[in-house]
Amino acid sequence: MSLETVASVAQAVNDARRRKVTAHVIDDVHDKTSALAATAAALSFPDHFGGNLDALYDMLTDLSWLPGDHVLIWAHPQAIQDWPAIAATLADAVAHNPRLRAQVVQD
């Protein structure tokens, strides 16, 4: 499964609001570590988050601490292109968690 592509952050946020889904914008990403940290912050990961891809998958497939459905909106598509392991982890988590979607803003 691939990640959804959207034209803009504003479009993705508006679509989420219309569908009554909580939008979480991931931006200010400079490297793999900041991508993990930004995702953890956006989704209020519990303190026991391990800060690696396995832990990211575990958190994204759980989300028991957050009510409702959620969409991660990646504002900088270059981050996803530069770190295919993160993209694969996101896609796998979305495939296994019906409460989660992930979208990448087009270049």
PDB file of N, CA and C in Angstrom:
ATOM      1  N   MET A   1       0.849  -1.186   0.000  1.00  0.00           N
ATOM      2  CA  MET A   1       0.000   0.000   0.000  1.00  0.00           C
ATOM      3  C   MET A   1       0.883   1.233   0.000  1.00  0.00           C
ATOM      4  N   SER A   2       0.549   2.208  -0.823  1.00  0.00           N
ATOM      5  CA  SER A   2       1.304   3.445  -0.839  1.00  0.00           C
ATOM      6  C   SER A   2       0.575   4.510  -0.031  1.00  0.00           C
ATOM      7  N   LEU A   3       1.293   5.573   0.276  1.00  0.00           N
ATOM      8  CA  LEU A   3       0.709   6.672   1.029  1.00  0.00           C
ATOM      9  C   LEU A   3      -0.090   7.566   0.084  1.00  0.00           C
ATOM     10  N   GLU A   4      -1.166   8.134   0.584  1.00  0.00           N
ATOM     11  CA  GLU A   4      -1.997   9.026  -0.214  1.00  0.00           C
ATOM     12  C   GLU A   4      -1.241  10.322  -0.485  1.00  0.00           C
ATOM     13  N   THR A   5      -1.466  10.915  -1.648  1.00  0.00           N
ATOM     14  CA  THR A   5      -0.860  12.192  -1.994  1.00  0.00           C
ATOM     15  C   THR A   5      -1.954  13.248  -2.056  1.00  0.00           C
ATOM     16  N   VAL A   6      -1.669  14.423  -1.485  1.00  0.00           N
ATOM     17  CA  VAL A   6      -2.611  15.538  -1.502  1.00  0.00           C
ATOM     18  C   VAL A   6      -1.904  16.772  -2.052  1.00  0.00           C
ATOM     19  N   ALA A   7      -2.687  17.731  -2.528  1.00  0.00           N
ATOM     20  CA  ALA A   7      -2.124  18.918  -3.163  1.00  0.00           C
ATOM     21  C   ALA A   7      -1.514  19.886  -2.155  1.00  0.00           C
ATOM     22  N   SER A   8      -2.101  19.977  -0.960  1.00  0.00           N
ATOM     23  CA  SER A   8      -1.605  20.948   0.011  1.00  0.00           C
ATOM     24  C   SER A   8      -1.981  20.527   1.426  1.00  0.00           C
ATOM     25  N   VAL A   9      -1.264  21.098   2.385  1.00  0.00           N
ATOM     26  CA  VAL A   9      -1.584  20.845   3.792  1.00  0.00           C
ATOM     27  C   VAL A   9      -2.992  21.347   4.088  1.00  0.00           C
ATOM     28  N   ALA A  10      -3.319  22.539   3.597  1.00  0.00           N
ATOM     29  CA  ALA A  10      -4.651  23.108   3.845  1.00  0.00           C
ATOM     30  C   ALA A  10      -5.748  22.198   3.318  1.00  0.00           C
ATOM     31  N   GLN A  11      -5.563  21.646   2.118  1.00  0.00           N
ATOM     32  CA  GLN A  11      -6.559  20.734   1.554  1.00  0.00           C
ATOM     33  C   GLN A  11      -6.714  19.508   2.449  1.00  0.00           C
ATOM     34  N   ALA A  12      -5.605  18.945   2.894  1.00  0.00           N
ATOM     35  CA  ALA A  12      -5.659  17.744   3.722  1.00  0.00           C
ATOM     36  C   ALA A  12      -6.331  18.019   5.070  1.00  0.00           C
ATOM     37  N   VAL A  13      -6.003  19.150   5.684  1.00  0.00           N
ATOM     38  CA  VAL A  13      -6.609  19.502   6.970  1.00  0.00           C
ATOM     39  C   VAL A  13      -8.105  19.743   6.804  1.00  0.00           C
ATOM     40  N   ASN A  14      -8.486  20.465   5.756  1.00  0.00           N
ATOM     41  CA  ASN A  14      -9.915  20.713   5.507  1.00  0.00           C
ATOM     42  C   ASN A  14     -10.669  19.416   5.258  1.00  0.00           C
ATOM     43  N   ASP A  15     -10.075  18.512   4.506  1.00  0.00           N
ATOM     44  CA  ASP A  15     -10.698  17.215   4.247  1.00  0.00           C
ATOM     45  C   ASP A  15     -10.872  16.437   5.552  1.00  0.00           C
ATOM     46  N   ALA A  16      -9.856  16.475   6.413  1.00  0.00           N
ATOM     47  CA  ALA A  16      -9.942  15.782   7.702  1.00  0.00           C
ATOM     48  C   ALA A  16     -11.069  16.362   8.555  1.00  0.00           C
ATOM     49  N   ARG A  17     -11.141  17.667   8.612  1.00  0.00           N
ATOM     50  CA  ARG A  17     -12.210  18.313   9.392  1.00  0.00           C
ATOM     51  C   ARG A  17     -13.582  17.928   8.873  1.00  0.00           C
ATOM     52  N   ARG A  18     -13.720  17.929   7.549  1.00  0.00           N
ATOM     53  CA  ARG A  18     -15.004  17.575   6.945  1.00  0.00           C
ATOM     54  C   ARG A  18     -15.408  16.144   7.311  1.00  0.00           C
ATOM     55  N   ARG A  19     -14.411  15.252   7.395  1.00  0.00           N
ATOM     56  CA  ARG A  19     -14.686  13.852   7.724  1.00  0.00           C
ATOM     57  C   ARG A  19     -14.674  13.587   9.234  1.00  0.00           C
ATOM     58  N   LYS A  20     -14.457  14.661  10.031  1.00  0.00           N
ATOM     59  CA  LYS A  20     -14.401  14.547  11.489  1.00  0.00           C
ATOM     60  C   LYS A  20     -13.266  13.621  11.946  1.00  0.00           C
ATOM     61  N   VAL A  21     -12.119  13.798  11.292  1.00  0.00           N
ATOM     62  CA  VAL A  21     -10.901  13.049  11.590  1.00  0.00           C
ATOM     63  C   VAL A  21      -9.881  14.044  12.118  1.00  0.00           C
ATOM     64  N   THR A  22      -9.129  13.658  13.125  1.00  0.00           N
ATOM     65  CA  THR A  22      -8.106  14.544  13.676  1.00  0.00           C
ATOM     66  C   THR A  22      -6.883  14.555  12.766  1.00  0.00           C
ATOM     67  N   ALA A  23      -6.500  15.745  12.316  1.00  0.00           N
ATOM     68  CA  ALA A  23      -5.333  15.906  11.441  1.00  0.00           C
ATOM     69  C   ALA A  23      -4.102  16.230  12.285  1.00  0.00           C
ATOM     70  N   HIS A  24      -2.992  15.607  11.933  1.00  0.00           N
ATOM     71  CA  HIS A  24      -1.712  15.847  12.593  1.00  0.00           C
ATOM     72  C   HIS A  24      -0.695  16.173  11.504  1.00  0.00           C
ATOM     73  N   VAL A  25      -0.239  17.416  11.462  1.00  0.00           N
ATOM     74  CA  VAL A  25       0.702  17.842  10.433  1.00  0.00           C
ATOM     75  C   VAL A  25       2.128  17.586  10.922  1.00  0.00           C
ATOM     76  N   ILE A  26       2.890  16.887  10.091  1.00  0.00           N
ATOM     77  CA  ILE A  26       4.292  16.601  10.375  1.00  0.00           C
ATOM     78  C   ILE A  26       5.128  17.516   9.493  1.00  0.00           C
ATOM     79  N   ASP A  27       5.849  18.433  10.125  1.00  0.00           N
ATOM     80  CA  ASP A  27       6.733  19.315   9.370  1.00  0.00           C
ATOM     81  C   ASP A  27       8.008  19.541  10.173  1.00  0.00           C
ATOM     82  N   ASP A  28       8.852  20.422   9.693  1.00  0.00           N
ATOM     83  CA  ASP A  28      10.133  20.703  10.343  1.00  0.00           C
ATOM     84  C   ASP A  28      10.932  19.418  10.556  1.00  0.00           C
ATOM     85  N   VAL A  29      11.019  18.641   9.489  1.00  0.00           N
ATOM     86  CA  VAL A  29      11.732  17.365   9.517  1.00  0.00           C
ATOM     87  C   VAL A  29      13.034  17.517   8.737  1.00  0.00           C
ATOM     88  N   HIS A  30      14.136  17.199   9.401  1.00  0.00           N
ATOM     89  CA  HIS A  30      15.450  17.373   8.781  1.00  0.00           C
ATOM     90  C   HIS A  30      16.208  16.070   8.590  1.00  0.00           C
ATOM     91  N   ASP A  31      15.847  15.077   9.364  1.00  0.00           N
ATOM     92  CA  ASP A  31      16.518  13.791   9.285  1.00  0.00           C
ATOM     93  C   ASP A  31      15.594  12.736   9.891  1.00  0.00           C
ATOM     94  N   LYS A  32      16.049  11.495   9.883  1.00  0.00           N
ATOM     95  CA  LYS A  32      15.217  10.396  10.387  1.00  0.00           C
ATOM     96  C   LYS A  32      14.838  10.613  11.851  1.00  0.00           C
ATOM     97  N   THR A  33      15.799  11.068  12.654  1.00  0.00           N
ATOM     98  CA  THR A  33      15.524  11.292  14.082  1.00  0.00           C
ATOM     99  C   THR A  33      14.455  12.355  14.271  1.00  0.00           C
ATOM    100  N   SER A  34      14.545  13.453  13.519  1.00  0.00           N
ATOM    101  CA  SER A  34      13.535  14.506  13.668  1.00  0.00           C
ATOM    102  C   SER A  34      12.180  14.055  13.115  1.00  0.00           C
ATOM    103  N   ALA A  35      12.191  13.182  12.114  1.00  0.00           N
ATOM    104  CA  ALA A  35      10.928  12.640  11.596  1.00  0.00           C
ATOM    105  C   ALA A  35      10.234  11.800  12.665  1.00  0.00           C
ATOM    106  N   LEU A  36      10.989  10.972  13.352  1.00  0.00           N
ATOM    107  CA  LEU A  36      10.413  10.158  14.429  1.00  0.00           C
ATOM    108  C   LEU A  36       9.921  11.044  15.567  1.00  0.00           C
ATOM    109  N   ALA A  37      10.727  12.037  15.930  1.00  0.00           N
ATOM    110  CA  ALA A  37      10.350  12.938  17.027  1.00  0.00           C
ATOM    111  C   ALA A  37       9.119  13.765  16.667  1.00  0.00           C
ATOM    112  N   ALA A  38       9.051  14.249  15.433  1.00  0.00           N
ATOM    113  CA  ALA A  38       7.897  15.049  15.010  1.00  0.00           C
ATOM    114  C   ALA A  38       6.615  14.217  15.016  1.00  0.00           C
ATOM    115  N   THR A  39       6.720  12.978  14.590  1.00  0.00           N
ATOM    116  CA  THR A  39       5.556  12.090  14.601  1.00  0.00           C
ATOM    117  C   THR A  39       5.130  11.805  16.033  1.00  0.00           C
ATOM    118  N   ALA A  40       6.100  11.529  16.886  1.00  0.00           N
ATOM    119  CA  ALA A  40       5.798  11.267  18.299  1.00  0.00           C
ATOM    120  C   ALA A  40       5.123  12.469  18.949  1.00  0.00           C
ATOM    121  N   ALA A  41       5.611  13.652  18.657  1.00  0.00           N
ATOM    122  CA  ALA A  41       5.020  14.862  19.236  1.00  0.00           C
ATOM    123  C   ALA A  41       3.618  15.107  18.684  1.00  0.00           C
ATOM    124  N   ALA A  42       3.455  14.949  17.385  1.00  0.00           N
ATOM    125  CA  ALA A  42       2.155  15.212  16.761  1.00  0.00           C
ATOM    126  C   ALA A  42       1.060  14.305  17.293  1.00  0.00           C
ATOM    127  N   LEU A  43       1.421  13.059  17.595  1.00  0.00           N
ATOM    128  CA  LEU A  43       0.431  12.090  18.072  1.00  0.00           C
ATOM    129  C   LEU A  43       0.504  11.852  19.580  1.00  0.00           C
ATOM    130  N   SER A  44       1.260  12.687  20.271  1.00  0.00           N
ATOM    131  CA  SER A  44       1.369  12.576  21.740  1.00  0.00           C
ATOM    132  C   SER A  44       1.712  11.162  22.185  1.00  0.00           C
ATOM    133  N   PHE A  45       2.747  10.585  21.544  1.00  0.00           N
ATOM    134  CA  PHE A  45       3.149   9.227  21.915  1.00  0.00           C
ATOM    135  C   PHE A  45       3.453   9.150  23.409  1.00  0.00           C
ATOM    136  N   PRO A  46       3.129   8.033  24.034  1.00  0.00           N
ATOM    137  CA  PRO A  46       3.476   7.830  25.445  1.00  0.00           C
ATOM    138  C   PRO A  46       4.996   7.886  25.656  1.00  0.00           C
ATOM    139  N   ASP A  47       5.391   8.139  26.880  1.00  0.00           N
ATOM    140  CA  ASP A  47       6.811   8.268  27.217  1.00  0.00           C
ATOM    141  C   ASP A  47       7.631   7.037  26.872  1.00  0.00           C
ATOM    142  N   HIS A  48       7.010   5.877  26.806  1.00  0.00           N
ATOM    143  CA  HIS A  48       7.779   4.653  26.546  1.00  0.00           C
ATOM    144  C   HIS A  48       8.102   4.447  25.060  1.00  0.00           C
ATOM    145  N   PHE A  49       7.750   5.419  24.184  1.00  0.00           N
ATOM    146  CA  PHE A  49       8.096   5.315  22.765  1.00  0.00           C
ATOM    147  C   PHE A  49       9.607   5.158  22.623  1.00  0.00           C
ATOM    148  N   GLY A  50      10.023   4.146  21.886  1.00  0.00           N
ATOM    149  CA  GLY A  50      11.433   3.802  21.778  1.00  0.00           C
ATOM    150  C   GLY A  50      12.245   4.610  20.786  1.00  0.00           C
ATOM    151  N   GLY A  51      11.613   5.418  19.953  1.00  0.00           N
ATOM    152  CA  GLY A  51      12.353   6.271  19.047  1.00  0.00           C
ATOM    153  C   GLY A  51      13.004   5.560  17.873  1.00  0.00           C
ATOM    154  N   ASN A  52      12.462   4.410  17.475  1.00  0.00           N
ATOM    155  CA  ASN A  52      12.982   3.694  16.307  1.00  0.00           C
ATOM    156  C   ASN A  52      11.797   3.249  15.445  1.00  0.00           C
ATOM    157  N   LEU A  53      12.093   2.660  14.291  1.00  0.00           N
ATOM    158  CA  LEU A  53      11.015   2.302  13.361  1.00  0.00           C
ATOM    159  C   LEU A  53      10.080   1.229  13.900  1.00  0.00           C
ATOM    160  N   ASP A  54      10.619   0.251  14.631  1.00  0.00           N
ATOM    161  CA  ASP A  54       9.748  -0.768  15.219  1.00  0.00           C
ATOM    162  C   ASP A  54       8.789  -0.139  16.228  1.00  0.00           C
ATOM    163  N   ALA A  55       9.312   0.770  17.040  1.00  0.00           N
ATOM    164  CA  ALA A  55       8.472   1.450  18.027  1.00  0.00           C
ATOM    165  C   ALA A  55       7.457   2.361  17.335  1.00  0.00           C
ATOM    166  N   LEU A  56       7.869   3.006  16.232  1.00  0.00           N
ATOM    167  CA  LEU A  56       6.935   3.834  15.468  1.00  0.00           C
ATOM    168  C   LEU A  56       5.764   2.996  14.979  1.00  0.00           C
ATOM    169  N   TYR A  57       6.059   1.849  14.402  1.00  0.00           N
ATOM    170  CA  TYR A  57       5.003   0.955  13.930  1.00  0.00           C
ATOM    171  C   TYR A  57       4.081   0.557  15.086  1.00  0.00           C
ATOM    172  N   ASP A  58       4.668   0.175  16.204  1.00  0.00           N
ATOM    173  CA  ASP A  58       3.864  -0.232  17.357  1.00  0.00           C
ATOM    174  C   ASP A  58       2.925   0.877  17.818  1.00  0.00           C
ATOM    175  N   MET A  59       3.438   2.098  17.889  1.00  0.00           N
ATOM    176  CA  MET A  59       2.613   3.224  18.329  1.00  0.00           C
ATOM    177  C   MET A  59       1.505   3.515  17.314  1.00  0.00           C
ATOM    178  N   LEU A  60       1.852   3.520  16.023  1.00  0.00           N
ATOM    179  CA  LEU A  60       0.864   3.850  14.993  1.00  0.00           C
ATOM    180  C   LEU A  60      -0.222   2.797  14.852  1.00  0.00           C
ATOM    181  N   THR A  61       0.085   1.571  15.170  1.00  0.00           N
ATOM    182  CA  THR A  61      -0.944   0.533  15.079  1.00  0.00           C
ATOM    183  C   THR A  61      -1.757   0.414  16.363  1.00  0.00           C
ATOM    184  N   ASP A  62      -1.366   1.136  17.407  1.00  0.00           N
ATOM    185  CA  ASP A  62      -2.082   1.113  18.678  1.00  0.00           C
ATOM    186  C   ASP A  62      -3.001   2.337  18.792  1.00  0.00           C
ATOM    187  N   LEU A  63      -2.433   3.489  19.049  1.00  0.00           N
ATOM    188  CA  LEU A  63      -3.163   4.748  19.229  1.00  0.00           C
ATOM    189  C   LEU A  63      -4.280   4.672  20.267  1.00  0.00           C
ATOM    190  N   SER A  64      -4.182   3.750  21.218  1.00  0.00           N
ATOM    191  CA  SER A  64      -5.233   3.584  22.221  1.00  0.00           C
ATOM    192  C   SER A  64      -5.380   4.810  23.124  1.00  0.00           C
ATOM    193  N   TRP A  65      -4.386   5.639  23.232  1.00  0.00           N
ATOM    194  CA  TRP A  65      -4.427   6.834  24.076  1.00  0.00           C
ATOM    195  C   TRP A  65      -5.130   8.010  23.384  1.00  0.00           C
ATOM    196  N   LEU A  66      -5.454   7.850  22.089  1.00  0.00           N
ATOM    197  CA  LEU A  66      -6.120   8.912  21.335  1.00  0.00           C
ATOM    198  C   LEU A  66      -7.491   8.425  20.858  1.00  0.00           C
ATOM    199  N   PRO A  67      -8.540   9.189  21.143  1.00  0.00           N
ATOM    200  CA  PRO A  67      -9.865   8.797  20.645  1.00  0.00           C
ATOM    201  C   PRO A  67     -10.019   9.123  19.164  1.00  0.00           C
ATOM    202  N   GLY A  68     -10.879   8.418  18.504  1.00  0.00           N
ATOM    203  CA  GLY A  68     -11.258   8.737  17.140  1.00  0.00           C
ATOM    204  C   GLY A  68     -10.267   8.297  16.080  1.00  0.00           C
ATOM    205  N   ASP A  69     -10.494   8.810  14.873  1.00  0.00           N
ATOM    206  CA  ASP A  69      -9.660   8.494  13.718  1.00  0.00           C
ATOM    207  C   ASP A  69      -8.677   9.627  13.468  1.00  0.00           C
ATOM    208  N   HIS A  70      -7.566   9.291  12.811  1.00  0.00           N
ATOM    209  CA  HIS A  70      -6.468  10.239  12.657  1.00  0.00           C
ATOM    210  C   HIS A  70      -5.857  10.155  11.270  1.00  0.00           C
ATOM    211  N   VAL A  71      -5.332  11.302  10.817  1.00  0.00           N
ATOM    212  CA  VAL A  71      -4.578  11.342   9.573  1.00  0.00           C
ATOM    213  C   VAL A  71      -3.271  12.088   9.840  1.00  0.00           C
ATOM    214  N   LEU A  72      -2.170  11.479   9.429  1.00  0.00           N
ATOM    215  CA  LEU A  72      -0.867  12.125   9.472  1.00  0.00           C
ATOM    216  C   LEU A  72      -0.655  12.813   8.135  1.00  0.00           C
ATOM    217  N   ILE A  73      -0.336  14.082   8.170  1.00  0.00           N
ATOM    218  CA  ILE A  73      -0.122  14.853   6.949  1.00  0.00           C
ATOM    219  C   ILE A  73       1.350  15.267   6.920  1.00  0.00           C
ATOM    220  N   TRP A  74       2.106  14.670   5.994  1.00  0.00           N
ATOM    221  CA  TRP A  74       3.534  14.978   5.855  1.00  0.00           C
ATOM    222  C   TRP A  74       3.675  16.190   4.952  1.00  0.00           C
ATOM    223  N   ALA A  75       4.062  17.325   5.548  1.00  0.00           N
ATOM    224  CA  ALA A  75       4.151  18.582   4.816  1.00  0.00           C
ATOM    225  C   ALA A  75       5.365  18.657   3.900  1.00  0.00           C
ATOM    226  N   HIS A  76       6.368  17.849   4.139  1.00  0.00           N
ATOM    227  CA  HIS A  76       7.592  17.874   3.334  1.00  0.00           C
ATOM    228  C   HIS A  76       7.801  16.506   2.695  1.00  0.00           C
ATOM    229  N   PRO A  77       7.360  16.348   1.457  1.00  0.00           N
ATOM    230  CA  PRO A  77       7.450  15.037   0.813  1.00  0.00           C
ATOM    231  C   PRO A  77       8.876  14.535   0.654  1.00  0.00           C
ATOM    232  N   GLN A  78       9.845  15.442   0.639  1.00  0.00           N
ATOM    233  CA  GLN A  78      11.239  15.019   0.497  1.00  0.00           C
ATOM    234  C   GLN A  78      11.649  14.098   1.636  1.00  0.00           C
ATOM    235  N   ALA A  79      11.110  14.324   2.816  1.00  0.00           N
ATOM    236  CA  ALA A  79      11.436  13.470   3.963  1.00  0.00           C
ATOM    237  C   ALA A  79      11.025  12.029   3.695  1.00  0.00           C
ATOM    238  N   ILE A  80       9.851  11.845   3.125  1.00  0.00           N
ATOM    239  CA  ILE A  80       9.371  10.497   2.808  1.00  0.00           C
ATOM    240  C   ILE A  80      10.219   9.882   1.699  1.00  0.00           C
ATOM    241  N   GLN A  81      10.585  10.691   0.720  1.00  0.00           N
ATOM    242  CA  GLN A  81      11.404  10.179  -0.383  1.00  0.00           C
ATOM    243  C   GLN A  81      12.810   9.836   0.076  1.00  0.00           C
ATOM    244  N   ASP A  82      13.357  10.618   1.005  1.00  0.00           N
ATOM    245  CA  ASP A  82      14.724  10.397   1.476  1.00  0.00           C
ATOM    246  C   ASP A  82      14.840   9.204   2.415  1.00  0.00           C
ATOM    247  N   TRP A  83      13.784   8.884   3.130  1.00  0.00           N
ATOM    248  CA  TRP A  83      13.823   7.803   4.112  1.00  0.00           C
ATOM    249  C   TRP A  83      12.736   6.783   3.800  1.00  0.00           C
ATOM    250  N   PRO A  84      12.981   5.922   2.816  1.00  0.00           N
ATOM    251  CA  PRO A  84      11.954   4.956   2.412  1.00  0.00           C
ATOM    252  C   PRO A  84      11.536   4.010   3.538  1.00  0.00           C
ATOM    253  N   ALA A  85      12.401   3.797   4.513  1.00  0.00           N
ATOM    254  CA  ALA A  85      12.017   2.924   5.638  1.00  0.00           C
ATOM    255  C   ALA A  85      10.895   3.553   6.451  1.00  0.00           C
ATOM    256  N   ILE A  86      10.916   4.873   6.591  1.00  0.00           N
ATOM    257  CA  ILE A  86       9.820   5.548   7.298  1.00  0.00           C
ATOM    258  C   ILE A  86       8.538   5.438   6.479  1.00  0.00           C
ATOM    259  N   ALA A  87       8.634   5.658   5.182  1.00  0.00           N
ATOM    260  CA  ALA A  87       7.454   5.535   4.317  1.00  0.00           C
ATOM    261  C   ALA A  87       6.881   4.130   4.388  1.00  0.00           C
ATOM    262  N   ALA A  88       7.734   3.126   4.366  1.00  0.00           N
ATOM    263  CA  ALA A  88       7.265   1.737   4.436  1.00  0.00           C
ATOM    264  C   ALA A  88       6.610   1.456   5.782  1.00  0.00           C
ATOM    265  N   THR A  89       7.192   1.976   6.847  1.00  0.00           N
ATOM    266  CA  THR A  89       6.620   1.785   8.186  1.00  0.00           C
ATOM    267  C   THR A  89       5.251   2.447   8.272  1.00  0.00           C
ATOM    268  N   LEU A  90       5.138   3.674   7.767  1.00  0.00           N
ATOM    269  CA  LEU A  90       3.842   4.365   7.756  1.00  0.00           C
ATOM    270  C   LEU A  90       2.807   3.588   6.956  1.00  0.00           C
ATOM    271  N   ALA A  91       3.193   3.149   5.769  1.00  0.00           N
ATOM    272  CA  ALA A  91       2.257   2.406   4.918  1.00  0.00           C
ATOM    273  C   ALA A  91       1.809   1.110   5.588  1.00  0.00           C
ATOM    274  N   ASP A  92       2.739   0.400   6.220  1.00  0.00           N
ATOM    275  CA  ASP A  92       2.379  -0.841   6.929  1.00  0.00           C
ATOM    276  C   ASP A  92       1.430  -0.552   8.087  1.00  0.00           C
ATOM    277  N   ALA A  93       1.712   0.514   8.837  1.00  0.00           N
ATOM    278  CA  ALA A  93       0.862   0.851   9.982  1.00  0.00           C
ATOM    279  C   ALA A  93      -0.539   1.232   9.524  1.00  0.00           C
ATOM    280  N   VAL A  94      -0.623   2.013   8.444  1.00  0.00           N
ATOM    281  CA  VAL A  94      -1.931   2.403   7.908  1.00  0.00           C
ATOM    282  C   VAL A  94      -2.712   1.169   7.450  1.00  0.00           C
ATOM    283  N   ALA A  95      -2.018   0.223   6.854  1.00  0.00           N
ATOM    284  CA  ALA A  95      -2.675  -0.999   6.392  1.00  0.00           C
ATOM    285  C   ALA A  95      -3.224  -1.825   7.554  1.00  0.00           C
ATOM    286  N   HIS A  96      -2.626  -1.687   8.739  1.00  0.00           N
ATOM    287  CA  HIS A  96      -3.035  -2.496   9.885  1.00  0.00           C
ATOM    288  C   HIS A  96      -3.862  -1.741  10.922  1.00  0.00           C
ATOM    289  N   ASN A  97      -4.055  -0.445  10.720  1.00  0.00           N
ATOM    290  CA  ASN A  97      -4.840   0.322  11.678  1.00  0.00           C
ATOM    291  C   ASN A  97      -5.921   1.093  10.920  1.00  0.00           C
ATOM    292  N   PRO A  98      -7.155   0.639  10.990  1.00  0.00           N
ATOM    293  CA  PRO A  98      -8.235   1.306  10.261  1.00  0.00           C
ATOM    294  C   PRO A  98      -8.539   2.713  10.776  1.00  0.00           C
ATOM    295  N   ARG A  99      -7.999   3.080  11.925  1.00  0.00           N
ATOM    296  CA  ARG A  99      -8.220   4.425  12.489  1.00  0.00           C
ATOM    297  C   ARG A  99      -7.185   5.435  12.001  1.00  0.00           C
ATOM    298  N   LEU A 100      -6.248   5.003  11.161  1.00  0.00           N
ATOM    299  CA  LEU A 100      -5.136   5.863  10.758  1.00  0.00           C
ATOM    300  C   LEU A 100      -5.011   5.940   9.245  1.00  0.00           C
ATOM    301  N   ARG A 101      -4.767   7.169   8.756  1.00  0.00           N
ATOM    302  CA  ARG A 101      -4.403   7.397   7.361  1.00  0.00           C
ATOM    303  C   ARG A 101      -3.129   8.232   7.364  1.00  0.00           C
ATOM    304  N   ALA A 102      -2.397   8.178   6.270  1.00  0.00           N
ATOM    305  CA  ALA A 102      -1.216   9.020   6.117  1.00  0.00           C
ATOM    306  C   ALA A 102      -1.233   9.624   4.731  1.00  0.00           C
ATOM    307  N   GLN A 103      -0.960  10.916   4.673  1.00  0.00           N
ATOM    308  CA  GLN A 103      -0.965  11.640   3.416  1.00  0.00           C
ATOM    309  C   GLN A 103       0.340  12.419   3.275  1.00  0.00           C
ATOM    310  N   VAL A 104       0.803  12.532   2.043  1.00  0.00           N
ATOM    311  CA  VAL A 104       2.014  13.277   1.742  1.00  0.00           C
ATOM    312  C   VAL A 104       1.648  14.405   0.786  1.00  0.00           C
ATOM    313  N   VAL A 105       2.083  15.614   1.105  1.00  0.00           N
ATOM    314  CA  VAL A 105       1.828  16.751   0.244  1.00  0.00           C
ATOM    315  C   VAL A 105       2.714  16.632  -0.997  1.00  0.00           C
ATOM    316  N   GLN A 106       2.158  16.917  -2.158  1.00  0.00           N
ATOM    317  CA  GLN A 106       2.908  16.842  -3.410  1.00  0.00           C
ATOM    318  C   GLN A 106       4.030  17.856  -3.435  1.00  0.00           C
ATOM    319  N   ASP A 107       5.073  17.541  -4.204  1.00  0.00           N
ATOM    320  CA  ASP A 107       6.167  18.504  -4.405  1.00  0.00           C
ATOM    321  C   ASP A 107       5.678  19.723  -5.116  1.00  0.00           C
TER     322      ASP A 107
END
